[in-house]
Amino acid sequence: MEGLPGQDSGPDYERPVSSITTGYIELLERNSHIVYPVIAVVTLLLIAWGILSAWRTQDLDGLQKNEFKRAIINELRRQLSGMPGDLLGKTIGLDRLKTNRLLEEMQTEGLVMSHTNSERLTVWRVRGASPEAKPRRY
Protein backbone atom coordinates (compact mmCIF):
# COMPACT_ATOMS: atom_id res chain seq x y z
CA MET A 1 0.00 0.00 0.00
CA GLU A 2 2.62 2.42 -1.06
CA GLY A 3 0.28 4.87 -2.76
CA LEU A 4 -1.83 5.92 0.25
CA PRO A 5 -1.12 9.35 1.72
CA GLY A 6 0.73 9.33 5.01
CA GLN A 7 2.31 5.95 4.40
CA ASP A 8 5.13 7.10 2.16
CA SER A 9 8.58 6.18 3.34
CA GLY A 10 9.93 9.72 2.80
CA PRO A 11 9.52 12.79 0.67
CA ASP A 12 10.57 12.51 -2.90
CA TYR A 13 11.87 16.07 -2.86
CA GLU A 14 15.53 16.78 -3.51
CA ARG A 15 17.13 20.20 -3.32
CA PRO A 16 18.24 21.62 -6.62
CA VAL A 17 21.96 22.03 -7.08
CA SER A 18 21.62 25.81 -7.46
CA SER A 19 19.87 26.27 -4.08
CA ILE A 20 21.72 28.12 -1.33
CA THR A 21 21.69 26.82 2.19
CA THR A 22 21.17 29.57 4.73
CA GLY A 23 22.19 28.58 8.18
CA TYR A 24 20.93 31.75 9.86
CA ILE A 25 17.31 31.05 8.94
CA GLU A 26 17.60 27.56 10.32
CA LEU A 27 19.21 29.04 13.44
CA LEU A 28 16.24 31.42 13.82
CA GLU A 29 13.78 28.58 13.35
CA ARG A 30 15.52 26.36 15.89
CA ASN A 31 15.85 29.13 18.52
CA SER A 32 12.67 31.08 17.89
CA HIS A 33 11.56 30.61 21.50
CA ILE A 34 14.58 32.72 22.55
CA VAL A 35 15.13 35.10 19.63
CA TYR A 36 11.65 36.58 19.28
CA PRO A 37 11.08 37.37 22.98
CA VAL A 38 14.50 39.06 23.06
CA ILE A 39 13.53 41.15 20.03
CA ALA A 40 10.25 42.08 21.74
CA VAL A 41 12.01 43.15 24.96
CA VAL A 42 14.57 45.23 23.05
CA THR A 43 11.76 46.90 21.11
CA LEU A 44 9.89 47.76 24.32
CA LEU A 45 13.08 49.14 25.86
CA LEU A 46 13.67 51.35 22.82
CA ILE A 47 10.10 52.65 22.97
CA ALA A 48 10.41 53.41 26.70
CA TRP A 49 13.75 55.14 26.15
CA GLY A 50 12.22 57.28 23.38
CA ILE A 51 9.27 58.28 25.54
CA LEU A 52 11.49 59.20 28.49
CA SER A 53 13.92 61.19 26.37
CA ALA A 54 11.06 63.10 24.73
CA TRP A 55 9.55 63.78 28.13
CA ARG A 56 12.85 65.15 29.46
CA THR A 57 13.38 67.44 26.50
CA GLN A 58 9.99 69.06 27.07
CA ASP A 59 10.98 70.14 30.55
CA LEU A 60 12.50 73.57 31.03
CA ASP A 61 15.88 73.92 32.64
CA GLY A 62 16.41 76.27 35.58
CA LEU A 63 17.63 79.27 33.60
CA GLN A 64 14.79 79.11 31.09
CA LYS A 65 12.29 78.64 33.88
CA ASN A 66 13.53 81.76 35.68
CA GLU A 67 13.46 83.81 32.47
CA PHE A 68 9.86 82.80 31.78
CA LYS A 69 8.88 83.47 35.39
CA ARG A 70 10.39 86.95 35.09
CA ALA A 71 8.48 87.51 31.82
CA ILE A 72 5.26 86.34 33.49
CA ILE A 73 5.75 88.70 36.45
CA ASN A 74 6.53 91.64 34.13
CA GLU A 75 3.48 90.97 31.99
CA LEU A 76 1.21 90.59 35.01
CA ARG A 77 2.54 93.88 36.42
CA ARG A 78 1.51 95.56 33.16
CA GLN A 79 -1.99 94.07 33.46
CA LEU A 80 -2.97 94.80 37.06
CA SER A 81 -6.45 93.36 36.64
CA GLY A 82 -4.93 89.98 35.71
CA MET A 83 -4.67 87.80 32.64
CA PRO A 84 -5.86 84.33 31.71
CA GLY A 85 -3.15 81.69 31.40
CA ASP A 86 -3.73 81.14 27.67
CA LEU A 87 -3.33 84.80 26.80
CA LEU A 88 -0.33 85.08 29.09
CA GLY A 89 1.31 82.10 27.38
CA LYS A 90 0.79 83.64 23.94
CA THR A 91 2.22 86.95 25.14
CA ILE A 92 5.45 85.50 26.52
CA GLY A 93 5.82 82.89 23.76
CA LEU A 94 5.28 79.69 25.73
CA ASP A 95 2.72 76.96 25.13
CA ARG A 96 -0.35 76.69 27.31
CA LEU A 97 0.59 73.61 29.36
CA LYS A 98 4.05 74.88 30.29
CA THR A 99 2.64 78.30 31.15
CA ASN A 100 0.02 76.80 33.44
CA ARG A 101 2.62 74.57 35.08
CA LEU A 102 4.83 77.60 35.73
CA LEU A 103 1.89 79.62 37.05
CA GLU A 104 0.90 76.87 39.47
CA GLU A 105 4.49 76.58 40.64
CA MET A 106 4.63 80.35 41.14
CA GLN A 107 1.37 80.21 43.08
CA THR A 108 2.81 77.67 45.51
CA GLU A 109 5.83 79.97 45.89
CA GLY A 110 3.48 82.84 46.73
CA LEU A 111 4.35 85.05 43.75
CA VAL A 112 1.00 85.02 41.95
CA MET A 113 -2.59 84.34 42.85
CA SER A 114 -5.52 83.17 40.80
CA HIS A 115 -9.26 83.37 40.85
CA THR A 116 -11.94 81.93 38.60
CA ASN A 117 -14.46 84.38 37.19
CA SER A 118 -18.10 83.78 36.29
CA GLU A 119 -17.11 82.55 32.82
CA ARG A 120 -15.05 79.75 34.42
CA LEU A 121 -11.84 81.39 33.26
CA THR A 122 -8.89 81.35 35.63
CA VAL A 123 -7.33 84.80 35.86
CA TRP A 124 -3.82 85.20 37.26
CA ARG A 125 -2.53 88.28 39.09
CA VAL A 126 0.67 89.27 40.83
CA ARG A 127 0.24 88.99 44.57
CA GLY A 128 0.18 92.44 46.17
CA ALA A 129 -0.15 94.40 42.92
CA SER A 130 -3.81 95.26 43.47
CA PRO A 131 -5.85 95.63 46.61
CA GLU A 132 -6.95 92.29 47.99
CA ALA A 133 -9.90 91.70 50.23
CA LYS A 134 -8.67 91.89 53.80
CA PRO A 135 -10.68 91.65 56.96
CA ARG A 136 -11.46 95.09 58.29
CA ARG A 137 -10.51 96.02 61.79
CA TYR A 138 -12.59 98.59 63.68
C-alpha atoms as a PDB file:
ATOM      1  CA  MET A   1       0.000   0.000   0.000  1.00  0.00           C
ATOM      2  CA  GLU A   2       2.624   2.421  -1.058  1.00  0.00           C
ATOM      3  CA  GLY A   3       0.277   4.869  -2.762  1.00  0.00           C
ATOM      4  CA  LEU A   4      -1.827   5.920   0.247  1.00  0.00           C
ATOM      5  CA  PRO A   5      -1.122   9.347   1.723  1.00  0.00           C
ATOM      6  CA  GLY A   6       0.733   9.330   5.011  1.00  0.00           C
ATOM      7  CA  GLN A   7       2.309   5.953   4.404  1.00  0.00           C
ATOM      8  CA  ASP A   8       5.131   7.103   2.164  1.00  0.00           C
ATOM      9  CA  SER A   9       8.580   6.181   3.337  1.00  0.00           C
ATOM     10  CA  GLY A  10       9.932   9.721   2.802  1.00  0.00           C
ATOM     11  CA  PRO A  11       9.522  12.792   0.675  1.00  0.00           C
ATOM     12  CA  ASP A  12      10.574  12.506  -2.904  1.00  0.00           C
ATOM     13  CA  TYR A  13      11.868  16.068  -2.861  1.00  0.00           C
ATOM     14  CA  GLU A  14      15.529  16.778  -3.508  1.00  0.00           C
ATOM     15  CA  ARG A  15      17.126  20.201  -3.322  1.00  0.00           C
ATOM     16  CA  PRO A  16      18.240  21.617  -6.618  1.00  0.00           C
ATOM     17  CA  VAL A  17      21.964  22.030  -7.078  1.00  0.00           C
ATOM     18  CA  SER A  18      21.617  25.810  -7.462  1.00  0.00           C
ATOM     19  CA  SER A  19      19.874  26.270  -4.077  1.00  0.00           C
ATOM     20  CA  ILE A  20      21.720  28.117  -1.329  1.00  0.00           C
ATOM     21  CA  THR A  21      21.689  26.815   2.194  1.00  0.00           C
ATOM     22  CA  THR A  22      21.171  29.575   4.733  1.00  0.00           C
ATOM     23  CA  GLY A  23      22.186  28.584   8.181  1.00  0.00           C
ATOM     24  CA  TYR A  24      20.932  31.751   9.864  1.00  0.00           C
ATOM     25  CA  ILE A  25      17.310  31.052   8.938  1.00  0.00           C
ATOM     26  CA  GLU A  26      17.598  27.556  10.321  1.00  0.00           C
ATOM     27  CA  LEU A  27      19.205  29.044  13.438  1.00  0.00           C
ATOM     28  CA  LEU A  28      16.244  31.416  13.822  1.00  0.00           C
ATOM     29  CA  GLU A  29      13.778  28.584  13.347  1.00  0.00           C
ATOM     30  CA  ARG A  30      15.523  26.363  15.894  1.00  0.00           C
ATOM     31  CA  ASN A  31      15.853  29.127  18.517  1.00  0.00           C
ATOM     32  CA  SER A  32      12.670  31.079  17.887  1.00  0.00           C
ATOM     33  CA  HIS A  33      11.558  30.608  21.498  1.00  0.00           C
ATOM     34  CA  ILE A  34      14.582  32.721  22.548  1.00  0.00           C
ATOM     35  CA  VAL A  35      15.125  35.097  19.632  1.00  0.00           C
ATOM     36  CA  TYR A  36      11.653  36.579  19.276  1.00  0.00           C
ATOM     37  CA  PRO A  37      11.077  37.369  22.984  1.00  0.00           C
ATOM     38  CA  VAL A  38      14.504  39.057  23.056  1.00  0.00           C
ATOM     39  CA  ILE A  39      13.528  41.145  20.027  1.00  0.00           C
ATOM     40  CA  ALA A  40      10.251  42.078  21.737  1.00  0.00           C
ATOM     41  CA  VAL A  41      12.009  43.146  24.960  1.00  0.00           C
ATOM     42  CA  VAL A  42      14.571  45.229  23.052  1.00  0.00           C
ATOM     43  CA  THR A  43      11.758  46.898  21.110  1.00  0.00           C
ATOM     44  CA  LEU A  44       9.892  47.756  24.323  1.00  0.00           C
ATOM     45  CA  LEU A  45      13.082  49.142  25.863  1.00  0.00           C
ATOM     46  CA  LEU A  46      13.672  51.352  22.822  1.00  0.00           C
ATOM     47  CA  ILE A  47      10.097  52.650  22.970  1.00  0.00           C
ATOM     48  CA  ALA A  48      10.411  53.414  26.695  1.00  0.00           C
ATOM     49  CA  TRP A  49      13.751  55.143  26.146  1.00  0.00           C
ATOM     50  CA  GLY A  50      12.220  57.281  23.379  1.00  0.00           C
ATOM     51  CA  ILE A  51       9.274  58.283  25.541  1.00  0.00           C
ATOM     52  CA  LEU A  52      11.489  59.199  28.489  1.00  0.00           C
ATOM     53  CA  SER A  53      13.924  61.191  26.372  1.00  0.00           C
ATOM     54  CA  ALA A  54      11.065  63.097  24.726  1.00  0.00           C
ATOM     55  CA  TRP A  55       9.554  63.776  28.134  1.00  0.00           C
ATOM     56  CA  ARG A  56      12.852  65.146  29.461  1.00  0.00           C
ATOM     57  CA  THR A  57      13.376  67.442  26.495  1.00  0.00           C
ATOM     58  CA  GLN A  58       9.991  69.061  27.066  1.00  0.00           C
ATOM     59  CA  ASP A  59      10.975  70.142  30.555  1.00  0.00           C
ATOM     60  CA  LEU A  60      12.497  73.571  31.026  1.00  0.00           C
ATOM     61  CA  ASP A  61      15.885  73.921  32.640  1.00  0.00           C
ATOM     62  CA  GLY A  62      16.414  76.267  35.580  1.00  0.00           C
ATOM     63  CA  LEU A  63      17.628  79.273  33.603  1.00  0.00           C
ATOM     64  CA  GLN A  64      14.791  79.108  31.086  1.00  0.00           C
ATOM     65  CA  LYS A  65      12.295  78.643  33.885  1.00  0.00           C
ATOM     66  CA  ASN A  66      13.533  81.755  35.682  1.00  0.00           C
ATOM     67  CA  GLU A  67      13.457  83.809  32.469  1.00  0.00           C
ATOM     68  CA  PHE A  68       9.863  82.797  31.777  1.00  0.00           C
ATOM     69  CA  LYS A  69       8.884  83.471  35.391  1.00  0.00           C
ATOM     70  CA  ARG A  70      10.385  86.945  35.085  1.00  0.00           C
ATOM     71  CA  ALA A  71       8.483  87.506  31.824  1.00  0.00           C
ATOM     72  CA  ILE A  72       5.256  86.339  33.492  1.00  0.00           C
ATOM     73  CA  ILE A  73       5.751  88.702  36.446  1.00  0.00           C
ATOM     74  CA  ASN A  74       6.533  91.642  34.134  1.00  0.00           C
ATOM     75  CA  GLU A  75       3.478  90.968  31.993  1.00  0.00           C
ATOM     76  CA  LEU A  76       1.206  90.585  35.014  1.00  0.00           C
ATOM     77  CA  ARG A  77       2.541  93.877  36.415  1.00  0.00           C
ATOM     78  CA  ARG A  78       1.509  95.562  33.160  1.00  0.00           C
ATOM     79  CA  GLN A  79      -1.987  94.072  33.463  1.00  0.00           C
ATOM     80  CA  LEU A  80      -2.970  94.798  37.057  1.00  0.00           C
ATOM     81  CA  SER A  81      -6.454  93.357  36.644  1.00  0.00           C
ATOM     82  CA  GLY A  82      -4.930  89.985  35.711  1.00  0.00           C
ATOM     83  CA  MET A  83      -4.669  87.800  32.641  1.00  0.00           C
ATOM     84  CA  PRO A  84      -5.865  84.334  31.706  1.00  0.00           C
ATOM     85  CA  GLY A  85      -3.154  81.693  31.401  1.00  0.00           C
ATOM     86  CA  ASP A  86      -3.732  81.135  27.668  1.00  0.00           C
ATOM     87  CA  LEU A  87      -3.329  84.801  26.799  1.00  0.00           C
ATOM     88  CA  LEU A  88      -0.328  85.076  29.092  1.00  0.00           C
ATOM     89  CA  GLY A  89       1.314  82.100  27.382  1.00  0.00           C
ATOM     90  CA  LYS A  90       0.791  83.640  23.937  1.00  0.00           C
ATOM     91  CA  THR A  91       2.219  86.947  25.141  1.00  0.00           C
ATOM     92  CA  ILE A  92       5.448  85.495  26.522  1.00  0.00           C
ATOM     93  CA  GLY A  93       5.819  82.886  23.756  1.00  0.00           C
ATOM     94  CA  LEU A  94       5.282  79.689  25.729  1.00  0.00           C
ATOM     95  CA  ASP A  95       2.722  76.960  25.129  1.00  0.00           C
ATOM     96  CA  ARG A  96      -0.355  76.692  27.315  1.00  0.00           C
ATOM     97  CA  LEU A  97       0.589  73.615  29.356  1.00  0.00           C
ATOM     98  CA  LYS A  98       4.048  74.875  30.292  1.00  0.00           C
ATOM     99  CA  THR A  99       2.636  78.300  31.151  1.00  0.00           C
ATOM    100  CA  ASN A 100       0.019  76.801  33.444  1.00  0.00           C
ATOM    101  CA  ARG A 101       2.621  74.565  35.076  1.00  0.00           C
ATOM    102  CA  LEU A 102       4.826  77.601  35.734  1.00  0.00           C
ATOM    103  CA  LEU A 103       1.889  79.624  37.054  1.00  0.00           C
ATOM    104  CA  GLU A 104       0.899  76.868  39.473  1.00  0.00           C
ATOM    105  CA  GLU A 105       4.487  76.580  40.643  1.00  0.00           C
ATOM    106  CA  MET A 106       4.626  80.346  41.137  1.00  0.00           C
ATOM    107  CA  GLN A 107       1.367  80.210  43.081  1.00  0.00           C
ATOM    108  CA  THR A 108       2.810  77.669  45.506  1.00  0.00           C
ATOM    109  CA  GLU A 109       5.829  79.969  45.887  1.00  0.00           C
ATOM    110  CA  GLY A 110       3.483  82.842  46.728  1.00  0.00           C
ATOM    111  CA  LEU A 111       4.347  85.053  43.746  1.00  0.00           C
ATOM    112  CA  VAL A 112       0.997  85.019  41.948  1.00  0.00           C
ATOM    113  CA  MET A 113      -2.589  84.340  42.848  1.00  0.00           C
ATOM    114  CA  SER A 114      -5.525  83.172  40.804  1.00  0.00           C
ATOM    115  CA  HIS A 115      -9.264  83.368  40.846  1.00  0.00           C
ATOM    116  CA  THR A 116     -11.938  81.925  38.601  1.00  0.00           C
ATOM    117  CA  ASN A 117     -14.465  84.377  37.190  1.00  0.00           C
ATOM    118  CA  SER A 118     -18.098  83.775  36.293  1.00  0.00           C
ATOM    119  CA  GLU A 119     -17.114  82.552  32.817  1.00  0.00           C
ATOM    120  CA  ARG A 120     -15.052  79.750  34.417  1.00  0.00           C
ATOM    121  CA  LEU A 121     -11.843  81.394  33.264  1.00  0.00           C
ATOM    122  CA  THR A 122      -8.889  81.349  35.634  1.00  0.00           C
ATOM    123  CA  VAL A 123      -7.333  84.796  35.864  1.00  0.00           C
ATOM    124  CA  TRP A 124      -3.821  85.205  37.258  1.00  0.00           C
ATOM    125  CA  ARG A 125      -2.530  88.285  39.088  1.00  0.00           C
ATOM    126  CA  VAL A 126       0.670  89.265  40.833  1.00  0.00           C
ATOM    127  CA  ARG A 127       0.244  88.993  44.573  1.00  0.00           C
ATOM    128  CA  GLY A 128       0.184  92.440  46.168  1.00  0.00           C
ATOM    129  CA  ALA A 129      -0.150  94.397  42.917  1.00  0.00           C
ATOM    130  CA  SER A 130      -3.815  95.265  43.475  1.00  0.00           C
ATOM    131  CA  PRO A 131      -5.854  95.632  46.608  1.00  0.00           C
ATOM    132  CA  GLU A 132      -6.951  92.294  47.993  1.00  0.00           C
ATOM    133  CA  ALA A 133      -9.899  91.704  50.228  1.00  0.00           C
ATOM    134  CA  LYS A 134      -8.668  91.888  53.799  1.00  0.00           C
ATOM    135  CA  PRO A 135     -10.675  91.654  56.957  1.00  0.00           C
ATOM    136  CA  ARG A 136     -11.461  95.088  58.285  1.00  0.00           C
ATOM    137  CA  ARG A 137     -10.511  96.021  61.787  1.00  0.00           C
ATOM    138  CA  TYR A 138     -12.593  98.590  63.683  1.00  0.00           C
END
